[in-house]
């Protein structure tokens, strides 16, 4: 028997094992039980797929045929959101409205909130909004009402 594949990715090895078995190869997988019983041990030991010596080249060819190339990401669409519409610069930063700071302080969330759908170009200073999630309507009203209630109850107790 020869080692055909070694990996620490449990699902990847299981998929390749099933592909080989479907193609009619006799396949043995080391540490199969360790992946479900002791995942920490399986990650350190890894998984191995073994095939008979005479079937090694054919099994390797089957695995190479089934490899899927990485999906290419459309970089134009992904980067277009962070290009300044005024000057075309990529030196753009995300920020949130400063009105959120009191809400975060009252709710005792002192970790910085990630930037929202507002952008500012560091080169020309142009500020703009992008399409994306915004807290408007009933959700914003609910948050404001909860903050007002928390402030009111905090001041009446003190």
C-alpha atoms as a PDB file:
ATOM      1  CA  UNK A   1       0.000   0.000   0.000  1.00  0.00           C
ATOM      2  CA  UNK A   2       1.155   3.535  -0.772  1.00  0.00           C
ATOM      3  CA  UNK A   3       0.179   6.867   0.756  1.00  0.00           C
ATOM      4  CA  UNK A   4      -1.798   8.781  -1.836  1.00  0.00           C
ATOM      5  CA  UNK A   5      -2.741  11.834   0.197  1.00  0.00           C
ATOM      6  CA  UNK A   6      -1.889  13.393   3.560  1.00  0.00           C
ATOM      7  CA  UNK A   7      -3.942  16.252   4.990  1.00  0.00           C
ATOM      8  CA  UNK A   8      -5.299  17.608   8.246  1.00  0.00           C
ATOM      9  CA  UNK A   9      -8.590  18.660   6.628  1.00  0.00           C
ATOM     10  CA  UNK A  10     -11.108  15.992   7.639  1.00  0.00           C
ATOM     11  CA  UNK A  11     -13.807  16.909   5.142  1.00  0.00           C
ATOM     12  CA  UNK A  12     -11.397  17.223   2.222  1.00  0.00           C
ATOM     13  CA  UNK A  13      -9.979  13.753   2.885  1.00  0.00           C
ATOM     14  CA  UNK A  14     -13.478  12.251   3.247  1.00  0.00           C
ATOM     15  CA  UNK A  15     -14.585  13.766  -0.067  1.00  0.00           C
ATOM     16  CA  UNK A  16     -11.515  12.474  -1.876  1.00  0.00           C
ATOM     17  CA  UNK A  17     -11.924   9.052  -0.270  1.00  0.00           C
ATOM     18  CA  UNK A  18     -15.518   8.824  -1.457  1.00  0.00           C
ATOM     19  CA  UNK A  19     -14.530   9.937  -4.982  1.00  0.00           C
ATOM     20  CA  UNK A  20     -11.911   7.205  -5.145  1.00  0.00           C
ATOM     21  CA  UNK A  21     -14.272   4.558  -3.775  1.00  0.00           C
ATOM     22  CA  UNK A  22     -16.912   5.608  -6.298  1.00  0.00           C
ATOM     23  CA  UNK A  23     -14.326   5.149  -9.052  1.00  0.00           C
ATOM     24  CA  UNK A  24     -13.772   1.584  -7.825  1.00  0.00           C
ATOM     25  CA  UNK A  25     -10.515   1.907  -5.885  1.00  0.00           C
ATOM     26  CA  UNK A  26      -9.788   0.173  -2.610  1.00  0.00           C
ATOM     27  CA  UNK A  27      -8.986   3.029  -0.193  1.00  0.00           C
ATOM     28  CA  UNK A  28      -7.928   2.994   3.461  1.00  0.00           C
ATOM     29  CA  UNK A  29      -8.007   6.111   5.616  1.00  0.00           C
ATOM     30  CA  UNK A  30      -5.778   6.440   8.695  1.00  0.00           C
ATOM     31  CA  UNK A  31      -7.146   8.166  11.825  1.00  0.00           C
ATOM     32  CA  UNK A  32     -10.719   8.061  10.535  1.00  0.00           C
ATOM     33  CA  UNK A  33     -12.209   7.544  13.984  1.00  0.00           C
ATOM     34  CA  UNK A  34      -9.937  10.125  15.584  1.00  0.00           C
ATOM     35  CA  UNK A  35     -11.573  12.835  13.483  1.00  0.00           C
ATOM     36  CA  UNK A  36     -14.886  12.408  15.229  1.00  0.00           C
ATOM     37  CA  UNK A  37     -13.803  11.185  18.664  1.00  0.00           C
ATOM     38  CA  UNK A  38     -10.744  13.348  19.309  1.00  0.00           C
ATOM     39  CA  UNK A  39     -10.597  16.204  16.778  1.00  0.00           C
ATOM     40  CA  UNK A  40      -7.606  17.815  18.479  1.00  0.00           C
ATOM     41  CA  UNK A  41      -5.625  14.611  18.097  1.00  0.00           C
ATOM     42  CA  UNK A  42      -6.692  14.165  14.489  1.00  0.00           C
ATOM     43  CA  UNK A  43      -5.464  17.639  13.611  1.00  0.00           C
ATOM     44  CA  UNK A  44      -2.048  16.879  15.000  1.00  0.00           C
ATOM     45  CA  UNK A  45      -1.780  13.423  13.427  1.00  0.00           C
ATOM     46  CA  UNK A  46      -3.474  14.266  10.150  1.00  0.00           C
ATOM     47  CA  UNK A  47      -5.252  11.880   7.817  1.00  0.00           C
ATOM     48  CA  UNK A  48      -3.755   9.611   5.181  1.00  0.00           C
ATOM     49  CA  UNK A  49      -5.350   7.895   2.215  1.00  0.00           C
ATOM     50  CA  UNK A  50      -3.708   4.608   1.272  1.00  0.00           C
ATOM     51  CA  UNK A  51      -4.220   2.731  -2.004  1.00  0.00           C
ATOM     52  CA  UNK A  52      -2.654  -0.505  -3.309  1.00  0.00           C
ATOM     53  CA  UNK A  53       0.696  -0.052  -5.075  1.00  0.00           C
ATOM     54  CA  UNK A  54      -0.616  -1.130  -8.476  1.00  0.00           C
ATOM     55  CA  UNK A  55      -3.547   1.343  -8.347  1.00  0.00           C
ATOM     56  CA  UNK A  56      -1.518   4.355  -7.158  1.00  0.00           C
ATOM     57  CA  UNK A  57      -0.981   6.050 -10.542  1.00  0.00           C
ATOM     58  CA  UNK A  58      -4.599   5.583 -11.628  1.00  0.00           C
ATOM     59  CA  UNK A  59      -5.943   6.893  -8.299  1.00  0.00           C
ATOM     60  CA  UNK A  60      -3.659   9.916  -8.500  1.00  0.00           C
ATOM     61  CA  UNK A  61      -4.958  10.626 -12.002  1.00  0.00           C
ATOM     62  CA  UNK A  62      -8.564  10.440 -10.738  1.00  0.00           C
ATOM     63  CA  UNK A  63      -7.809  12.940  -7.964  1.00  0.00           C
ATOM     64  CA  UNK A  64      -6.133  15.319 -10.429  1.00  0.00           C
ATOM     65  CA  UNK A  65      -9.148  15.151 -12.780  1.00  0.00           C
ATOM     66  CA  UNK A  66     -11.570  16.043  -9.996  1.00  0.00           C
ATOM     67  CA  UNK A  67      -9.635  19.039  -8.674  1.00  0.00           C
ATOM     68  CA  UNK A  68     -11.671  22.186  -9.027  1.00  0.00           C
ATOM     69  CA  UNK A  69      -9.763  25.375  -9.803  1.00  0.00           C
ATOM     70  CA  UNK A  70     -10.171  28.259  -7.381  1.00  0.00           C
ATOM     71  CA  UNK A  71     -13.039  30.568  -8.210  1.00  0.00           C
ATOM     72  CA  UNK A  72     -11.812  33.901  -9.492  1.00  0.00           C
ATOM     73  CA  UNK A  73     -13.257  36.916  -7.720  1.00  0.00           C
ATOM     74  CA  UNK A  74     -14.376  39.843  -9.812  1.00  0.00           C
ATOM     75  CA  UNK A  75     -11.991  42.431  -8.411  1.00  0.00           C
ATOM     76  CA  UNK A  76     -13.615  45.309 -10.257  1.00  0.00           C
ATOM     77  CA  UNK A  77     -16.928  44.795  -8.464  1.00  0.00           C
ATOM     78  CA  UNK A  78     -15.305  44.128  -5.087  1.00  0.00           C
ATOM     79  CA  UNK A  79     -13.016  47.180  -5.156  1.00  0.00           C
ATOM     80  CA  UNK A  80     -15.462  49.598  -6.746  1.00  0.00           C
ATOM     81  CA  UNK A  81     -17.111  50.248  -3.376  1.00  0.00           C
ATOM     82  CA  UNK A  82     -13.861  51.625  -1.956  1.00  0.00           C
ATOM     83  CA  UNK A  83     -12.960  53.960  -4.794  1.00  0.00           C
ATOM     84  CA  UNK A  84     -13.587  57.646  -4.212  1.00  0.00           C
ATOM     85  CA  UNK A  85     -16.206  58.866  -6.713  1.00  0.00           C
ATOM     86  CA  UNK A  86     -14.633  62.318  -6.664  1.00  0.00           C
ATOM     87  CA  UNK A  87     -10.958  61.614  -7.340  1.00  0.00           C
ATOM     88  CA  UNK A  88     -10.868  57.824  -7.934  1.00  0.00           C
ATOM     89  CA  UNK A  89      -8.407  57.218  -5.104  1.00  0.00           C
ATOM     90  CA  UNK A  90      -8.237  53.893  -3.276  1.00  0.00           C
ATOM     91  CA  UNK A  91      -7.165  55.623  -0.054  1.00  0.00           C
ATOM     92  CA  UNK A  92     -10.659  55.438   1.451  1.00  0.00           C
ATOM     93  CA  UNK A  93     -11.600  54.798   5.068  1.00  0.00           C
ATOM     94  CA  UNK A  94     -14.863  53.499   6.515  1.00  0.00           C
ATOM     95  CA  UNK A  95     -16.502  55.231   9.426  1.00  0.00           C
ATOM     96  CA  UNK A  96     -19.691  55.286  11.399  1.00  0.00           C
ATOM     97  CA  UNK A  97     -21.782  58.258  12.343  1.00  0.00           C
ATOM     98  CA  UNK A  98     -20.582  59.816  15.636  1.00  0.00           C
ATOM     99  CA  UNK A  99     -24.188  59.652  16.864  1.00  0.00           C
ATOM    100  CA  UNK A 100     -23.597  55.963  17.636  1.00  0.00           C
ATOM    101  CA  UNK A 101     -20.977  56.708  20.293  1.00  0.00           C
ATOM    102  CA  UNK A 102     -23.450  57.591  23.102  1.00  0.00           C
ATOM    103  CA  UNK A 103     -25.533  54.537  22.268  1.00  0.00           C
ATOM    104  CA  UNK A 104     -22.491  52.275  22.495  1.00  0.00           C
ATOM    105  CA  UNK A 105     -21.347  53.898  25.753  1.00  0.00           C
ATOM    106  CA  UNK A 106     -24.788  53.540  27.358  1.00  0.00           C
ATOM    107  CA  UNK A 107     -24.974  49.922  26.334  1.00  0.00           C
ATOM    108  CA  UNK A 108     -21.451  49.510  27.732  1.00  0.00           C
ATOM    109  CA  UNK A 109     -20.022  48.344  24.460  1.00  0.00           C
ATOM    110  CA  UNK A 110     -16.587  49.859  24.609  1.00  0.00           C
ATOM    111  CA  UNK A 111     -15.125  47.928  21.714  1.00  0.00           C
ATOM    112  CA  UNK A 112     -14.998  50.005  18.544  1.00  0.00           C
ATOM    113  CA  UNK A 113     -17.822  49.363  16.138  1.00  0.00           C
ATOM    114  CA  UNK A 114     -16.784  48.492  12.597  1.00  0.00           C
ATOM    115  CA  UNK A 115     -17.328  51.119   9.980  1.00  0.00           C
ATOM    116  CA  UNK A 116     -20.697  51.296   8.357  1.00  0.00           C
ATOM    117  CA  UNK A 117     -21.695  52.374   4.888  1.00  0.00           C
ATOM    118  CA  UNK A 118     -20.073  55.810   5.109  1.00  0.00           C
ATOM    119  CA  UNK A 119     -16.729  56.438   3.437  1.00  0.00           C
ATOM    120  CA  UNK A 120     -14.223  59.279   3.487  1.00  0.00           C
ATOM    121  CA  UNK A 121     -11.427  59.764   0.989  1.00  0.00           C
ATOM    122  CA  UNK A 122      -8.151  60.502   2.743  1.00  0.00           C
ATOM    123  CA  UNK A 123      -6.735  62.213  -0.343  1.00  0.00           C
ATOM    124  CA  UNK A 124      -9.437  64.736  -1.257  1.00  0.00           C
ATOM    125  CA  UNK A 125     -11.620  64.637   1.905  1.00  0.00           C
ATOM    126  CA  UNK A 126     -14.797  63.718  -0.014  1.00  0.00           C
ATOM    127  CA  UNK A 127     -17.431  61.998   2.156  1.00  0.00           C
ATOM    128  CA  UNK A 128     -20.023  59.699   0.645  1.00  0.00           C
ATOM    129  CA  UNK A 129     -22.387  56.845   1.455  1.00  0.00           C
ATOM    130  CA  UNK A 130     -22.447  53.456  -0.185  1.00  0.00           C
ATOM    131  CA  UNK A 131     -25.401  51.162  -0.552  1.00  0.00           C
ATOM    132  CA  UNK A 132     -25.604  48.790   2.343  1.00  0.00           C
ATOM    133  CA  UNK A 133     -27.352  48.065   5.609  1.00  0.00           C
ATOM    134  CA  UNK A 134     -28.482  51.047   7.567  1.00  0.00           C
ATOM    135  CA  UNK A 135     -30.428  51.266  10.809  1.00  0.00           C
ATOM    136  CA  UNK A 136     -33.570  53.054   9.781  1.00  0.00           C
ATOM    137  CA  UNK A 137     -37.227  52.746  10.498  1.00  0.00           C
ATOM    138  CA  UNK A 138     -38.527  50.500  13.278  1.00  0.00           C
ATOM    139  CA  UNK A 139     -35.126  49.158  14.308  1.00  0.00           C
ATOM    140  CA  UNK A 140     -33.671  52.623  14.857  1.00  0.00           C
ATOM    141  CA  UNK A 141     -36.796  53.627  16.787  1.00  0.00           C
ATOM    142  CA  UNK A 142     -36.484  50.525  18.973  1.00  0.00           C
ATOM    143  CA  UNK A 143     -32.831  51.256  19.757  1.00  0.00           C
ATOM    144  CA  UNK A 144     -33.551  54.884  20.581  1.00  0.00           C
ATOM    145  CA  UNK A 145     -36.488  53.857  22.794  1.00  0.00           C
ATOM    146  CA  UNK A 146     -34.351  51.305  24.645  1.00  0.00           C
ATOM    147  CA  UNK A 147     -31.582  53.837  25.208  1.00  0.00           C
ATOM    148  CA  UNK A 148     -34.077  56.422  26.452  1.00  0.00           C
ATOM    149  CA  UNK A 149     -35.652  53.873  28.789  1.00  0.00           C
ATOM    150  CA  UNK A 150     -32.213  52.819  30.096  1.00  0.00           C
ATOM    151  CA  UNK A 151     -31.202  56.433  30.717  1.00  0.00           C
ATOM    152  CA  UNK A 152     -34.508  57.228  32.410  1.00  0.00           C
ATOM    153  CA  UNK A 153     -34.332  54.189  34.692  1.00  0.00           C
ATOM    154  CA  UNK A 154     -30.664  54.876  35.504  1.00  0.00           C
ATOM    155  CA  UNK A 155     -31.328  58.489  36.504  1.00  0.00           C
ATOM    156  CA  UNK A 156     -34.444  57.668  38.571  1.00  0.00           C
ATOM    157  CA  UNK A 157     -32.630  54.994  40.593  1.00  0.00           C
ATOM    158  CA  UNK A 158     -29.646  57.214  41.343  1.00  0.00           C
END
